[in-house]
């Protein structure tokens, strides 16, 4: 039987290519909301991040999320998104 290809995606923070399932997708919905996509199937433009605080900080420093989504994020949107992502990562660290 033919072996299936594993979809690879590049992290916006560390720029490493990893298996799609290892990364967290952040999407810009058609309504203009920026939010984490836990299913990986939400409509809209998306970027991927490793599930680590280090990659989150690198993406924040490089403004990679707004650039990857091809939109200008307001300061409020950015702060809300990073607060939500940090909460997700801290829950994952505890589990």
PDB file of N, CA and C in Angstrom:
ATOM      1  N   UNK A   1       0.836  -1.173   0.000  1.00  0.00           N
ATOM      2  CA  UNK A   1       0.000   0.000   0.000  1.00  0.00           C
ATOM      3  C   UNK A   1       0.890   1.248   0.000  1.00  0.00           C
ATOM      4  N   UNK A   2       0.444   2.265  -0.681  1.00  0.00           N
ATOM      5  CA  UNK A   2       1.205   3.506  -0.796  1.00  0.00           C
ATOM      6  C   UNK A   2       1.182   4.275   0.530  1.00  0.00           C
ATOM      7  N   UNK A   3       2.335   4.791   0.925  1.00  0.00           N
ATOM      8  CA  UNK A   3       2.434   5.546   2.163  1.00  0.00           C
ATOM      9  C   UNK A   3       1.883   6.954   1.952  1.00  0.00           C
ATOM     10  N   UNK A   4       1.072   7.423   2.914  1.00  0.00           N
ATOM     11  CA  UNK A   4       0.458   8.745   2.799  1.00  0.00           C
ATOM     12  C   UNK A   4       1.446   9.835   3.181  1.00  0.00           C
ATOM     13  N   UNK A   5       1.321  10.970   2.517  1.00  0.00           N
ATOM     14  CA  UNK A   5       2.150  12.122   2.842  1.00  0.00           C
ATOM     15  C   UNK A   5       1.643  12.764   4.127  1.00  0.00           C
ATOM     16  N   UNK A   6       2.564  13.235   4.936  1.00  0.00           N
ATOM     17  CA  UNK A   6       2.216  13.946   6.158  1.00  0.00           C
ATOM     18  C   UNK A   6       2.260  15.433   5.835  1.00  0.00           C
ATOM     19  N   UNK A   7       1.131  16.155   6.038  1.00  0.00           N
ATOM     20  CA  UNK A   7       1.143  17.586   5.726  1.00  0.00           C
ATOM     21  C   UNK A   7       2.049  18.354   6.693  1.00  0.00           C
ATOM     22  N   UNK A   8       2.957  19.132   6.139  1.00  0.00           N
ATOM     23  CA  UNK A   8       3.868  19.946   6.936  1.00  0.00           C
ATOM     24  C   UNK A   8       3.459  21.408   6.846  1.00  0.00           C
ATOM     25  N   UNK A   9       3.630  22.113   7.951  1.00  0.00           N
ATOM     26  CA  UNK A   9       3.367  23.547   7.995  1.00  0.00           C
ATOM     27  C   UNK A   9       4.538  24.213   8.709  1.00  0.00           C
ATOM     28  N   UNK A  10       4.737  25.497   8.441  1.00  0.00           N
ATOM     29  CA  UNK A  10       5.850  26.232   9.038  1.00  0.00           C
ATOM     30  C   UNK A  10       5.328  27.115  10.170  1.00  0.00           C
ATOM     31  N   UNK A  11       5.999  27.044  11.305  1.00  0.00           N
ATOM     32  CA  UNK A  11       5.661  27.870  12.462  1.00  0.00           C
ATOM     33  C   UNK A  11       6.031  29.321  12.161  1.00  0.00           C
ATOM     34  N   UNK A  12       5.129  30.248  12.471  1.00  0.00           N
ATOM     35  CA  UNK A  12       5.378  31.670  12.224  1.00  0.00           C
ATOM     36  C   UNK A  12       6.378  32.250  13.218  1.00  0.00           C
ATOM     37  N   UNK A  13       6.615  31.555  14.330  1.00  0.00           N
ATOM     38  CA  UNK A  13       7.560  32.048  15.325  1.00  0.00           C
ATOM     39  C   UNK A  13       8.977  31.594  15.059  1.00  0.00           C
ATOM     40  N   UNK A  14       9.203  30.273  15.098  1.00  0.00           N
ATOM     41  CA  UNK A  14      10.567  29.739  14.952  1.00  0.00           C
ATOM     42  C   UNK A  14      10.912  29.377  13.513  1.00  0.00           C
ATOM     43  N   UNK A  15       9.944  29.392  12.621  1.00  0.00           N
ATOM     44  CA  UNK A  15      10.126  29.107  11.200  1.00  0.00           C
ATOM     45  C   UNK A  15      10.534  27.658  10.913  1.00  0.00           C
ATOM     46  N   UNK A  16      10.264  26.731  11.828  1.00  0.00           N
ATOM     47  CA  UNK A  16      10.546  25.318  11.599  1.00  0.00           C
ATOM     48  C   UNK A  16       9.338  24.665  10.954  1.00  0.00           C
ATOM     49  N   UNK A  17       9.583  23.749  10.023  1.00  0.00           N
ATOM     50  CA  UNK A  17       8.502  22.974   9.417  1.00  0.00           C
ATOM     51  C   UNK A  17       8.227  21.766  10.294  1.00  0.00           C
ATOM     52  N   UNK A  18       6.962  21.581  10.641  1.00  0.00           N
ATOM     53  CA  UNK A  18       6.559  20.467  11.499  1.00  0.00           C
ATOM     54  C   UNK A  18       5.264  19.875  10.975  1.00  0.00           C
ATOM     55  N   UNK A  19       4.921  18.725  11.523  1.00  0.00           N
ATOM     56  CA  UNK A  19       3.664  18.070  11.196  1.00  0.00           C
ATOM     57  C   UNK A  19       2.513  19.012  11.565  1.00  0.00           C
ATOM     58  N   UNK A  20       1.538  19.093  10.696  1.00  0.00           N
ATOM     59  CA  UNK A  20       0.395  19.991  10.890  1.00  0.00           C
ATOM     60  C   UNK A  20      -0.300  19.748  12.235  1.00  0.00           C
ATOM     61  N   UNK A  21      -0.340  18.495  12.673  1.00  0.00           N
ATOM     62  CA  UNK A  21      -1.033  18.156  13.920  1.00  0.00           C
ATOM     63  C   UNK A  21      -0.298  18.660  15.159  1.00  0.00           C
ATOM     64  N   UNK A  22       0.996  18.928  15.036  1.00  0.00           N
ATOM     65  CA  UNK A  22       1.789  19.411  16.168  1.00  0.00           C
ATOM     66  C   UNK A  22       1.621  20.911  16.392  1.00  0.00           C
ATOM     67  N   UNK A  23       1.091  21.622  15.409  1.00  0.00           N
ATOM     68  CA  UNK A  23       1.010  23.078  15.463  1.00  0.00           C
ATOM     69  C   UNK A  23      -0.407  23.553  15.755  1.00  0.00           C
ATOM     70  N   UNK A  24      -0.508  24.763  16.245  1.00  0.00           N
ATOM     71  CA  UNK A  24      -1.793  25.404  16.509  1.00  0.00           C
ATOM     72  C   UNK A  24      -2.076  26.386  15.384  1.00  0.00           C
ATOM     73  N   UNK A  25      -3.279  26.324  14.824  1.00  0.00           N
ATOM     74  CA  UNK A  25      -3.654  27.226  13.736  1.00  0.00           C
ATOM     75  C   UNK A  25      -4.359  28.449  14.312  1.00  0.00           C
ATOM     76  N   UNK A  26      -3.999  29.600  13.805  1.00  0.00           N
ATOM     77  CA  UNK A  26      -4.670  30.853  14.150  1.00  0.00           C
ATOM     78  C   UNK A  26      -5.280  31.361  12.864  1.00  0.00           C
ATOM     79  N   UNK A  27      -6.578  31.682  12.901  1.00  0.00           N
ATOM     80  CA  UNK A  27      -7.227  32.061  11.647  1.00  0.00           C
ATOM     81  C   UNK A  27      -7.882  33.433  11.733  1.00  0.00           C
ATOM     82  N   UNK A  28      -7.963  34.040  10.568  1.00  0.00           N
ATOM     83  CA  UNK A  28      -8.690  35.287  10.369  1.00  0.00           C
ATOM     84  C   UNK A  28      -9.989  34.893   9.693  1.00  0.00           C
ATOM     85  N   UNK A  29     -11.093  34.990  10.417  1.00  0.00           N
ATOM     86  CA  UNK A  29     -12.381  34.565   9.876  1.00  0.00           C
ATOM     87  C   UNK A  29     -12.878  35.562   8.837  1.00  0.00           C
ATOM     88  N   UNK A  30     -13.823  35.152   7.994  1.00  0.00           N
ATOM     89  CA  UNK A  30     -14.396  36.091   7.018  1.00  0.00           C
ATOM     90  C   UNK A  30     -15.039  37.317   7.675  1.00  0.00           C
ATOM     91  N   UNK A  31     -15.419  37.196   8.962  1.00  0.00           N
ATOM     92  CA  UNK A  31     -16.007  38.331   9.685  1.00  0.00           C
ATOM     93  C   UNK A  31     -14.942  39.291  10.207  1.00  0.00           C
ATOM     94  N   UNK A  32     -13.669  38.922  10.082  1.00  0.00           N
ATOM     95  CA  UNK A  32     -12.585  39.790  10.521  1.00  0.00           C
ATOM     96  C   UNK A  32     -12.057  39.492  11.913  1.00  0.00           C
ATOM     97  N   UNK A  33     -12.518  38.410  12.549  1.00  0.00           N
ATOM     98  CA  UNK A  33     -12.041  38.030  13.872  1.00  0.00           C
ATOM     99  C   UNK A  33     -10.753  37.220  13.744  1.00  0.00           C
ATOM    100  N   UNK A  34      -9.847  37.419  14.673  1.00  0.00           N
ATOM    101  CA  UNK A  34      -8.626  36.616  14.735  1.00  0.00           C
ATOM    102  C   UNK A  34      -8.737  35.755  15.979  1.00  0.00           C
ATOM    103  N   UNK A  35      -8.690  34.432  15.786  1.00  0.00           N
ATOM    104  CA  UNK A  35      -8.848  33.539  16.932  1.00  0.00           C
ATOM    105  C   UNK A  35      -8.136  32.214  16.688  1.00  0.00           C
ATOM    106  N   UNK A  36      -7.805  31.512  17.781  1.00  0.00           N
ATOM    107  CA  UNK A  36      -7.198  30.186  17.631  1.00  0.00           C
ATOM    108  C   UNK A  36      -8.210  29.215  17.038  1.00  0.00           C
ATOM    109  N   UNK A  37      -7.749  28.382  16.140  1.00  0.00           N
ATOM    110  CA  UNK A  37      -8.595  27.380  15.496  1.00  0.00           C
ATOM    111  C   UNK A  37      -8.174  26.019  16.034  1.00  0.00           C
ATOM    112  N   UNK A  38      -8.876  25.545  17.039  1.00  0.00           N
ATOM    113  CA  UNK A  38      -8.503  24.290  17.685  1.00  0.00           C
ATOM    114  C   UNK A  38      -8.800  23.078  16.819  1.00  0.00           C
ATOM    115  N   UNK A  39      -9.742  23.199  15.877  1.00  0.00           N
ATOM    116  CA  UNK A  39     -10.075  22.073  15.003  1.00  0.00           C
ATOM    117  C   UNK A  39      -9.163  22.012  13.790  1.00  0.00           C
ATOM    118  N   UNK A  40      -8.598  23.153  13.399  1.00  0.00           N
ATOM    119  CA  UNK A  40      -7.751  23.206  12.215  1.00  0.00           C
ATOM    120  C   UNK A  40      -8.537  23.242  10.922  1.00  0.00           C
ATOM    121  N   UNK A  41      -9.842  23.472  11.012  1.00  0.00           N
ATOM    122  CA  UNK A  41     -10.692  23.430   9.829  1.00  0.00           C
ATOM    123  C   UNK A  41     -11.571  24.673   9.645  1.00  0.00           C
ATOM    124  N   UNK A  42     -11.352  25.700  10.437  1.00  0.00           N
ATOM    125  CA  UNK A  42     -12.193  26.895  10.341  1.00  0.00           C
ATOM    126  C   UNK A  42     -11.953  27.613   9.016  1.00  0.00           C
ATOM    127  N   UNK A  43     -12.999  28.262   8.524  1.00  0.00           N
ATOM    128  CA  UNK A  43     -12.879  29.042   7.293  1.00  0.00           C
ATOM    129  C   UNK A  43     -12.016  30.266   7.547  1.00  0.00           C
ATOM    130  N   UNK A  44     -11.307  30.673   6.531  1.00  0.00           N
ATOM    131  CA  UNK A  44     -10.516  31.890   6.626  1.00  0.00           C
ATOM    132  C   UNK A  44      -9.035  31.623   6.471  1.00  0.00           C
ATOM    133  N   UNK A  45      -8.299  32.701   6.414  1.00  0.00           N
ATOM    134  CA  UNK A  45      -6.845  32.623   6.247  1.00  0.00           C
ATOM    135  C   UNK A  45      -6.215  32.199   7.567  1.00  0.00           C
ATOM    136  N   UNK A  46      -5.219  31.343   7.516  1.00  0.00           N
ATOM    137  CA  UNK A  46      -4.625  30.849   8.750  1.00  0.00           C
ATOM    138  C   UNK A  46      -3.110  30.826   8.734  1.00  0.00           C
ATOM    139  N   UNK A  47      -2.545  30.875   9.933  1.00  0.00           N
ATOM    140  CA  UNK A  47      -1.110  30.676  10.126  1.00  0.00           C
ATOM    141  C   UNK A  47      -0.949  29.661  11.249  1.00  0.00           C
ATOM    142  N   UNK A  48       0.250  29.141  11.381  1.00  0.00           N
ATOM    143  CA  UNK A  48       0.506  28.102  12.369  1.00  0.00           C
ATOM    144  C   UNK A  48       1.593  28.536  13.333  1.00  0.00           C
ATOM    145  N   UNK A  49       1.446  28.096  14.596  1.00  0.00           N
ATOM    146  CA  UNK A  49       2.426  28.344  15.644  1.00  0.00           C
ATOM    147  C   UNK A  49       2.677  27.054  16.406  1.00  0.00           C
ATOM    148  N   UNK A  50       3.922  26.866  16.848  1.00  0.00           N
ATOM    149  CA  UNK A  50       4.215  25.759  17.754  1.00  0.00           C
ATOM    150  C   UNK A  50       3.439  26.009  19.047  1.00  0.00           C
ATOM    151  N   UNK A  51       3.181  24.951  19.763  1.00  0.00           N
ATOM    152  CA  UNK A  51       2.444  25.088  21.021  1.00  0.00           C
ATOM    153  C   UNK A  51       3.410  25.377  22.170  1.00  0.00           C
ATOM    154  N   UNK A  52       4.174  26.456  22.035  1.00  0.00           N
ATOM    155  CA  UNK A  52       5.115  26.838  23.091  1.00  0.00           C
ATOM    156  C   UNK A  52       5.098  28.354  23.263  1.00  0.00           C
ATOM    157  N   UNK A  53       5.395  28.767  24.476  1.00  0.00           N
ATOM    158  CA  UNK A  53       5.418  30.198  24.768  1.00  0.00           C
ATOM    159  C   UNK A  53       6.580  30.893  24.066  1.00  0.00           C
ATOM    160  N   UNK A  54       7.674  30.152  23.835  1.00  0.00           N
ATOM    161  CA  UNK A  54       8.836  30.736  23.166  1.00  0.00           C
ATOM    162  C   UNK A  54       8.478  31.156  21.738  1.00  0.00           C
ATOM    163  N   UNK A  55       7.787  30.278  21.015  1.00  0.00           N
ATOM    164  CA  UNK A  55       7.392  30.603  19.637  1.00  0.00           C
ATOM    165  C   UNK A  55       6.365  31.732  19.622  1.00  0.00           C
ATOM    166  N   UNK A  56       5.495  31.745  20.612  1.00  0.00           N
ATOM    167  CA  UNK A  56       4.509  32.821  20.720  1.00  0.00           C
ATOM    168  C   UNK A  56       5.216  34.160  20.905  1.00  0.00           C
ATOM    169  N   UNK A  57       6.225  34.198  21.765  1.00  0.00           N
ATOM    170  CA  UNK A  57       6.980  35.433  21.990  1.00  0.00           C
ATOM    171  C   UNK A  57       7.745  35.860  20.735  1.00  0.00           C
ATOM    172  N   UNK A  58       8.326  34.884  20.015  1.00  0.00           N
ATOM    173  CA  UNK A  58       9.044  35.225  18.780  1.00  0.00           C
ATOM    174  C   UNK A  58       8.085  35.790  17.736  1.00  0.00           C
ATOM    175  N   UNK A  59       6.895  35.191  17.617  1.00  0.00           N
ATOM    176  CA  UNK A  59       5.904  35.672  16.653  1.00  0.00           C
ATOM    177  C   UNK A  59       5.436  37.076  17.029  1.00  0.00           C
ATOM    178  N   UNK A  60       5.290  37.318  18.320  1.00  0.00           N
ATOM    179  CA  UNK A  60       4.870  38.638  18.798  1.00  0.00           C
ATOM    180  C   UNK A  60       5.940  39.680  18.474  1.00  0.00           C
ATOM    181  N   UNK A  61       7.196  39.327  18.716  1.00  0.00           N
ATOM    182  CA  UNK A  61       8.307  40.243  18.484  1.00  0.00           C
ATOM    183  C   UNK A  61       8.448  40.585  17.000  1.00  0.00           C
ATOM    184  N   UNK A  62       8.245  39.589  16.130  1.00  0.00           N
ATOM    185  CA  UNK A  62       8.398  39.789  14.687  1.00  0.00           C
ATOM    186  C   UNK A  62       7.116  40.282  14.015  1.00  0.00           C
ATOM    187  N   UNK A  63       6.032  40.400  14.790  1.00  0.00           N
ATOM    188  CA  UNK A  63       4.713  40.769  14.254  1.00  0.00           C
ATOM    189  C   UNK A  63       4.302  39.815  13.136  1.00  0.00           C
ATOM    190  N   UNK A  64       4.611  38.547  13.339  1.00  0.00           N
ATOM    191  CA  UNK A  64       4.403  37.529  12.310  1.00  0.00           C
ATOM    192  C   UNK A  64       2.934  37.173  12.119  1.00  0.00           C
ATOM    193  N   UNK A  65       2.124  37.324  13.148  1.00  0.00           N
ATOM    194  CA  UNK A  65       0.723  36.924  13.024  1.00  0.00           C
ATOM    195  C   UNK A  65      -0.018  37.861  12.086  1.00  0.00           C
ATOM    196  N   UNK A  66       0.097  39.161  12.289  1.00  0.00           N
ATOM    197  CA  UNK A  66      -0.558  40.120  11.396  1.00  0.00           C
ATOM    198  C   UNK A  66      -0.054  40.011   9.969  1.00  0.00           C
ATOM    199  N   UNK A  67       1.254  39.832   9.827  1.00  0.00           N
ATOM    200  CA  UNK A  67       1.842  39.719   8.491  1.00  0.00           C
ATOM    201  C   UNK A  67       1.390  38.428   7.809  1.00  0.00           C
ATOM    202  N   UNK A  68       1.359  37.328   8.547  1.00  0.00           N
ATOM    203  CA  UNK A  68       0.944  36.049   7.974  1.00  0.00           C
ATOM    204  C   UNK A  68      -0.520  36.034   7.582  1.00  0.00           C
ATOM    205  N   UNK A  69      -1.333  36.748   8.337  1.00  0.00           N
ATOM    206  CA  UNK A  69      -2.763  36.824   8.027  1.00  0.00           C
ATOM    207  C   UNK A  69      -3.068  37.919   7.015  1.00  0.00           C
ATOM    208  N   UNK A  70      -2.041  38.663   6.628  1.00  0.00           N
ATOM    209  CA  UNK A  70      -2.166  39.756   5.657  1.00  0.00           C
ATOM    210  C   UNK A  70      -3.215  40.778   6.083  1.00  0.00           C
ATOM    211  N   UNK A  71      -3.135  41.179   7.347  1.00  0.00           N
ATOM    212  CA  UNK A  71      -4.041  42.181   7.881  1.00  0.00           C
ATOM    213  C   UNK A  71      -3.313  42.981   8.957  1.00  0.00           C
ATOM    214  N   UNK A  72      -3.827  44.145   9.243  1.00  0.00           N
ATOM    215  CA  UNK A  72      -3.279  44.978  10.302  1.00  0.00           C
ATOM    216  C   UNK A  72      -4.095  44.707  11.560  1.00  0.00           C
ATOM    217  N   UNK A  73      -3.447  44.175  12.592  1.00  0.00           N
ATOM    218  CA  UNK A  73      -4.141  43.892  13.844  1.00  0.00           C
ATOM    219  C   UNK A  73      -4.069  45.109  14.754  1.00  0.00           C
ATOM    220  N   UNK A  74      -5.208  45.449  15.363  1.00  0.00           N
ATOM    221  CA  UNK A  74      -5.202  46.552  16.319  1.00  0.00           C
ATOM    222  C   UNK A  74      -4.513  46.088  17.599  1.00  0.00           C
ATOM    223  N   UNK A  75      -4.140  47.034  18.431  1.00  0.00           N
ATOM    224  CA  UNK A  75      -3.468  46.697  19.689  1.00  0.00           C
ATOM    225  C   UNK A  75      -4.384  45.850  20.574  1.00  0.00           C
ATOM    226  N   UNK A  76      -5.680  46.160  20.571  1.00  0.00           N
ATOM    227  CA  UNK A  76      -6.642  45.413  21.381  1.00  0.00           C
ATOM    228  C   UNK A  76      -6.779  43.975  20.880  1.00  0.00           C
ATOM    229  N   UNK A  77      -6.848  43.814  19.553  1.00  0.00           N
ATOM    230  CA  UNK A  77      -6.939  42.470  18.972  1.00  0.00           C
ATOM    231  C   UNK A  77      -5.708  41.650  19.323  1.00  0.00           C
ATOM    232  N   UNK A  78      -4.554  42.263  19.205  1.00  0.00           N
ATOM    233  CA  UNK A  78      -3.296  41.573  19.486  1.00  0.00           C
ATOM    234  C   UNK A  78      -3.225  41.146  20.944  1.00  0.00           C
ATOM    235  N   UNK A  79      -3.549  42.053  21.858  1.00  0.00           N
ATOM    236  CA  UNK A  79      -3.491  41.735  23.285  1.00  0.00           C
ATOM    237  C   UNK A  79      -4.480  40.641  23.649  1.00  0.00           C
ATOM    238  N   UNK A  80      -5.703  40.704  23.095  1.00  0.00           N
ATOM    239  CA  UNK A  80      -6.710  39.684  23.384  1.00  0.00           C
ATOM    240  C   UNK A  80      -6.276  38.318  22.856  1.00  0.00           C
ATOM    241  N   UNK A  81      -5.733  38.290  21.651  1.00  0.00           N
ATOM    242  CA  UNK A  81      -5.283  37.030  21.059  1.00  0.00           C
ATOM    243  C   UNK A  81      -4.143  36.424  21.866  1.00  0.00           C
ATOM    244  N   UNK A  82      -3.147  37.227  22.232  1.00  0.00           N
ATOM    245  CA  UNK A  82      -2.016  36.699  22.979  1.00  0.00           C
ATOM    246  C   UNK A  82      -2.428  36.251  24.376  1.00  0.00           C
ATOM    247  N   UNK A  83      -3.375  36.946  24.997  1.00  0.00           N
ATOM    248  CA  UNK A  83      -3.864  36.510  26.306  1.00  0.00           C
ATOM    249  C   UNK A  83      -4.558  35.154  26.186  1.00  0.00           C
ATOM    250  N   UNK A  84      -5.359  34.985  25.135  1.00  0.00           N
ATOM    251  CA  UNK A  84      -6.052  33.717  24.912  1.00  0.00           C
ATOM    252  C   UNK A  84      -5.059  32.588  24.626  1.00  0.00           C
ATOM    253  N   UNK A  85      -4.047  32.871  23.823  1.00  0.00           N
ATOM    254  CA  UNK A  85      -3.042  31.856  23.496  1.00  0.00           C
ATOM    255  C   UNK A  85      -2.206  31.484  24.719  1.00  0.00           C
ATOM    256  N   UNK A  86      -1.835  32.463  25.524  1.00  0.00           N
ATOM    257  CA  UNK A  86      -1.065  32.166  26.732  1.00  0.00           C
ATOM    258  C   UNK A  86      -1.878  31.319  27.701  1.00  0.00           C
ATOM    259  N   UNK A  87      -3.187  31.571  27.786  1.00  0.00           N
ATOM    260  CA  UNK A  87      -4.053  30.748  28.629  1.00  0.00           C
ATOM    261  C   UNK A  87      -4.107  29.313  28.102  1.00  0.00           C
ATOM    262  N   UNK A  88      -4.206  29.165  26.781  1.00  0.00           N
ATOM    263  CA  UNK A  88      -4.210  27.824  26.175  1.00  0.00           C
ATOM    264  C   UNK A  88      -2.909  27.086  26.467  1.00  0.00           C
ATOM    265  N   UNK A  89      -1.786  27.771  26.317  1.00  0.00           N
ATOM    266  CA  UNK A  89      -0.491  27.135  26.530  1.00  0.00           C
ATOM    267  C   UNK A  89      -0.280  26.776  27.993  1.00  0.00           C
ATOM    268  N   UNK A  90      -0.738  27.619  28.911  1.00  0.00           N
ATOM    269  CA  UNK A  90      -0.565  27.309  30.332  1.00  0.00           C
ATOM    270  C   UNK A  90      -1.449  26.128  30.733  1.00  0.00           C
ATOM    271  N   UNK A  91      -2.641  25.992  30.123  1.00  0.00           N
ATOM    272  CA  UNK A  91      -3.488  24.821  30.377  1.00  0.00           C
ATOM    273  C   UNK A  91      -2.808  23.559  29.872  1.00  0.00           C
ATOM    274  N   UNK A  92      -2.177  23.645  28.717  1.00  0.00           N
ATOM    275  CA  UNK A  92      -1.494  22.485  28.138  1.00  0.00           C
ATOM    276  C   UNK A  92      -0.291  22.088  28.991  1.00  0.00           C
ATOM    277  N   UNK A  93       0.408  23.072  29.563  1.00  0.00           N
ATOM    278  CA  UNK A  93       1.560  22.775  30.413  1.00  0.00           C
ATOM    279  C   UNK A  93       1.140  22.064  31.696  1.00  0.00           C
ATOM    280  N   UNK A  94      -0.036  22.429  32.227  1.00  0.00           N
ATOM    281  CA  UNK A  94      -0.526  21.816  33.457  1.00  0.00           C
ATOM    282  C   UNK A  94      -0.989  20.384  33.235  1.00  0.00           C
ATOM    283  N   UNK A  95      -1.494  20.105  32.040  1.00  0.00           N
ATOM    284  CA  UNK A  95      -2.042  18.762  31.765  1.00  0.00           C
ATOM    285  C   UNK A  95      -0.967  17.723  31.569  1.00  0.00           C
TER     286      UNK A  95
END
